[in-house]
């Protein structure tokens, strides 16, 4: 995984674009609010992959959800911002493509608006890490944009590197259940690990 390049890109994004700091624009918070009853029944330990500014980790760790919630991100700047609302020991960096948590540890792993930001080979590597840290019969909950971003990175490339139709993502992830939101141009789905 191109960890250093992604870290450089998203450090720049978090330093220059305030919209990533606010919960109102968070796809993850929107997903949690839409599926809150299901989320409540997914077990205690939770990991948000690509936690950004930490809104999902904070919400699922709150009294409303009572999860033991952790966050990981590729961007040191995002972790620094998250640490303003979440205890620092609940946050860690993804380094060299690795999530620094034990195998089969989390009941729920969320990954919102992240996979489309990666090149295809890096998507496969990250999905493998998500599988590794999710317990057997645990749940992965993913949200993926199906359109180009309106923004480019510091190198002039679109922030959404992998734009594919919902069927491509389903073939890759093998969701147990998914929906396509045509207005938002995104796919959201659950996968229970066997």
Protein backbone atom coordinates (compact mmCIF):
# COMPACT_ATOMS: atom_id res chain seq x y z
CA UNK A 1 0.00 0.00 0.00
CA UNK A 2 1.23 3.49 -0.83
CA UNK A 3 0.94 4.59 2.80
CA UNK A 4 3.33 7.53 2.59
CA UNK A 5 1.69 8.98 -0.52
CA UNK A 6 -1.83 8.62 0.90
CA UNK A 7 -0.67 10.15 4.20
CA UNK A 8 0.81 13.11 2.32
CA UNK A 9 -2.40 13.60 0.33
CA UNK A 10 -4.75 13.41 3.31
CA UNK A 11 -2.57 15.48 5.63
CA UNK A 12 -2.88 18.18 2.97
CA UNK A 13 -6.66 17.63 2.66
CA UNK A 14 -7.19 17.96 6.43
CA UNK A 15 -5.02 21.06 6.64
CA UNK A 16 -6.73 22.87 3.76
CA UNK A 17 -10.36 21.75 3.69
CA UNK A 18 -12.48 22.54 6.74
CA UNK A 19 -15.47 20.52 5.49
CA UNK A 20 -13.70 17.34 6.63
CA UNK A 21 -13.78 18.62 10.20
CA UNK A 22 -17.55 18.87 10.58
CA UNK A 23 -19.97 16.06 11.35
CA UNK A 24 -22.67 17.55 9.11
CA UNK A 25 -20.70 16.46 6.04
CA UNK A 26 -19.70 13.03 7.38
CA UNK A 27 -20.96 10.07 5.30
CA UNK A 28 -20.20 7.87 8.31
CA UNK A 29 -22.50 9.77 10.65
CA UNK A 30 -25.23 9.68 8.01
CA UNK A 31 -24.81 5.89 7.73
CA UNK A 32 -24.88 5.39 11.50
CA UNK A 33 -28.03 7.50 11.82
CA UNK A 34 -29.75 5.58 9.01
CA UNK A 35 -28.85 2.15 10.42
CA UNK A 36 -28.67 2.85 14.17
CA UNK A 37 -30.84 -0.10 15.26
CA UNK A 38 -28.75 -2.60 13.30
CA UNK A 39 -25.50 -1.03 14.58
CA UNK A 40 -26.63 -1.38 18.20
CA UNK A 41 -26.87 -5.16 17.78
CA UNK A 42 -23.40 -5.76 16.36
CA UNK A 43 -21.37 -6.34 19.53
CA UNK A 44 -19.20 -4.16 21.73
CA UNK A 45 -15.78 -3.72 20.08
CA UNK A 46 -15.82 -1.35 17.07
CA UNK A 47 -13.15 -0.07 14.68
CA UNK A 48 -13.65 2.81 12.24
CA UNK A 49 -11.14 2.50 9.40
CA UNK A 50 -10.34 5.87 7.85
CA UNK A 51 -11.72 7.58 10.94
CA UNK A 52 -10.86 11.06 9.67
CA UNK A 53 -11.78 13.64 12.29
CA UNK A 54 -13.29 10.98 14.56
CA UNK A 55 -17.02 11.64 14.46
CA UNK A 56 -18.04 7.98 14.04
CA UNK A 57 -15.68 6.78 16.80
CA UNK A 58 -17.01 9.45 19.16
CA UNK A 59 -20.65 8.64 18.41
CA UNK A 60 -20.34 4.86 18.70
CA UNK A 61 -18.31 5.26 21.90
CA UNK A 62 -20.96 7.55 23.41
CA UNK A 63 -23.76 6.63 25.82
CA UNK A 64 -26.12 6.27 22.86
CA UNK A 65 -24.26 3.24 21.45
CA UNK A 66 -21.97 2.14 24.33
CA UNK A 67 -19.35 0.58 22.05
CA UNK A 68 -15.67 0.18 22.85
CA UNK A 69 -14.83 2.24 19.78
CA UNK A 70 -11.43 2.76 18.10
CA UNK A 71 -10.25 4.61 15.01
CA UNK A 72 -7.42 4.21 12.52
CA UNK A 73 -6.37 6.48 9.68
CA UNK A 74 -3.53 6.86 7.19
CA UNK A 75 -3.15 10.57 7.99
CA UNK A 76 -1.27 11.72 11.10
CA UNK A 77 -3.14 15.04 10.77
CA UNK A 78 -6.50 13.21 10.94
CA UNK A 79 -5.37 11.33 14.06
CA UNK A 80 -4.27 14.64 15.63
CA UNK A 81 -7.71 16.14 14.90
CA UNK A 82 -9.52 13.02 16.18
CA UNK A 83 -7.54 13.17 19.43
CA UNK A 84 -9.33 16.43 20.24
CA UNK A 85 -12.58 14.43 20.82
CA UNK A 86 -11.39 10.85 21.43
CA UNK A 87 -8.84 9.49 23.94
CA UNK A 88 -5.50 9.15 22.12
CA UNK A 89 -5.08 5.48 23.11
CA UNK A 90 -8.20 4.71 21.01
CA UNK A 91 -6.49 6.00 17.82
CA UNK A 92 -3.69 4.65 15.67
CA UNK A 93 -2.07 5.14 12.29
CA UNK A 94 -2.28 2.70 9.42
CA UNK A 95 1.37 2.19 8.54
CA UNK A 96 2.71 0.11 5.66
CA UNK A 97 -0.89 -0.92 4.99
CA UNK A 98 -1.26 -2.56 8.41
CA UNK A 99 -3.95 -1.96 11.01
CA UNK A 100 -2.25 -2.24 14.40
CA UNK A 101 -4.86 -4.36 16.15
CA UNK A 102 -4.96 -8.11 16.81
CA UNK A 103 -6.54 -10.67 14.51
CA UNK A 104 -10.27 -11.33 15.00
CA UNK A 105 -10.69 -8.57 17.59
CA UNK A 106 -13.59 -6.35 16.49
CA UNK A 107 -17.31 -7.19 16.39
CA UNK A 108 -18.02 -4.28 14.02
CA UNK A 109 -15.64 -2.71 11.51
CA UNK A 110 -16.84 0.39 9.66
CA UNK A 111 -15.17 1.95 6.63
CA UNK A 112 -17.03 4.96 5.26
CA UNK A 113 -16.00 6.92 2.17
CA UNK A 114 -12.50 5.40 2.08
CA UNK A 115 -12.18 2.56 -0.44
CA UNK A 116 -12.85 4.72 -3.51
CA UNK A 117 -9.92 6.93 -2.44
CA UNK A 118 -7.49 4.03 -3.02
CA UNK A 119 -5.96 2.44 -6.10
CA UNK A 120 -7.37 -1.02 -6.88
CA UNK A 121 -4.46 -3.06 -5.48
CA UNK A 122 -4.57 -1.05 -2.28
CA UNK A 123 -8.31 -1.71 -1.97
CA UNK A 124 -7.63 -5.45 -1.96
CA UNK A 125 -4.92 -5.03 0.68
CA UNK A 126 -7.17 -2.94 2.93
CA UNK A 127 -10.11 -5.35 2.56
CA UNK A 128 -7.77 -8.14 3.64
CA UNK A 129 -6.88 -6.13 6.76
CA UNK A 130 -10.58 -5.52 7.49
CA UNK A 131 -11.20 -9.26 7.28
CA UNK A 132 -8.22 -9.96 9.53
CA UNK A 133 -9.34 -7.73 12.41
CA UNK A 134 -13.05 -8.70 12.29
CA UNK A 135 -14.14 -11.61 14.50
CA UNK A 136 -15.81 -14.65 12.96
CA UNK A 137 -19.50 -13.77 12.59
CA UNK A 138 -18.55 -10.10 13.05
CA UNK A 139 -19.85 -7.39 10.74
CA UNK A 140 -18.22 -5.06 8.26
CA UNK A 141 -20.26 -2.00 7.27
CA UNK A 142 -18.97 -0.13 4.22
CA UNK A 143 -20.03 3.01 2.36
CA UNK A 144 -18.41 3.70 -1.02
CA UNK A 145 -18.89 6.59 -3.42
CA UNK A 146 -19.64 5.63 -7.03
CA UNK A 147 -18.73 8.99 -8.58
CA UNK A 148 -15.75 11.23 -9.06
CA UNK A 149 -14.97 13.63 -6.27
CA UNK A 150 -15.48 17.33 -6.84
CA UNK A 151 -11.94 17.81 -5.47
CA UNK A 152 -8.44 17.00 -6.62
CA UNK A 153 -5.45 16.20 -4.43
CA UNK A 154 -2.23 18.17 -4.15
CA UNK A 155 -0.89 16.31 -7.21
CA UNK A 156 -3.89 17.26 -9.37
CA UNK A 157 -5.50 13.79 -9.29
CA UNK A 158 -9.14 13.19 -8.40
CA UNK A 159 -9.53 12.25 -4.72
CA UNK A 160 -11.68 9.29 -5.80
CA UNK A 161 -9.16 7.04 -7.52
CA UNK A 162 -11.36 3.99 -8.13
CA UNK A 163 -14.76 4.75 -9.66
CA UNK A 164 -16.70 1.59 -10.39
CA UNK A 165 -20.39 0.61 -10.51
CA UNK A 166 -22.13 -0.97 -7.51
CA UNK A 167 -21.97 -4.42 -9.12
CA UNK A 168 -18.15 -4.23 -9.28
CA UNK A 169 -17.95 -3.41 -5.57
CA UNK A 170 -20.39 -6.20 -4.71
CA UNK A 171 -18.34 -8.71 -6.73
CA UNK A 172 -15.24 -7.59 -4.82
CA UNK A 173 -16.67 -7.37 -1.30
CA UNK A 174 -19.45 -9.98 -1.57
CA UNK A 175 -21.94 -8.06 0.55
CA UNK A 176 -24.69 -9.92 2.37
CA UNK A 177 -26.89 -6.87 1.88
CA UNK A 178 -26.38 -3.56 0.11
CA UNK A 179 -28.32 -0.59 -1.18
CA UNK A 180 -27.46 1.95 -3.85
CA UNK A 181 -28.40 5.55 -3.16
CA UNK A 182 -28.77 7.13 -6.59
CA UNK A 183 -29.07 10.65 -5.20
CA UNK A 184 -25.79 10.36 -3.26
CA UNK A 185 -24.24 8.05 -5.92
CA UNK A 186 -22.99 5.57 -3.32
CA UNK A 187 -23.27 1.97 -2.25
CA UNK A 188 -23.70 1.03 1.41
CA UNK A 189 -23.54 -2.56 2.55
CA UNK A 190 -23.05 -5.06 5.34
CA UNK A 191 -20.99 -8.21 5.26
CA UNK A 192 -21.00 -10.77 8.05
CA UNK A 193 -17.79 -12.77 8.26
CA UNK A 194 -18.21 -16.53 8.31
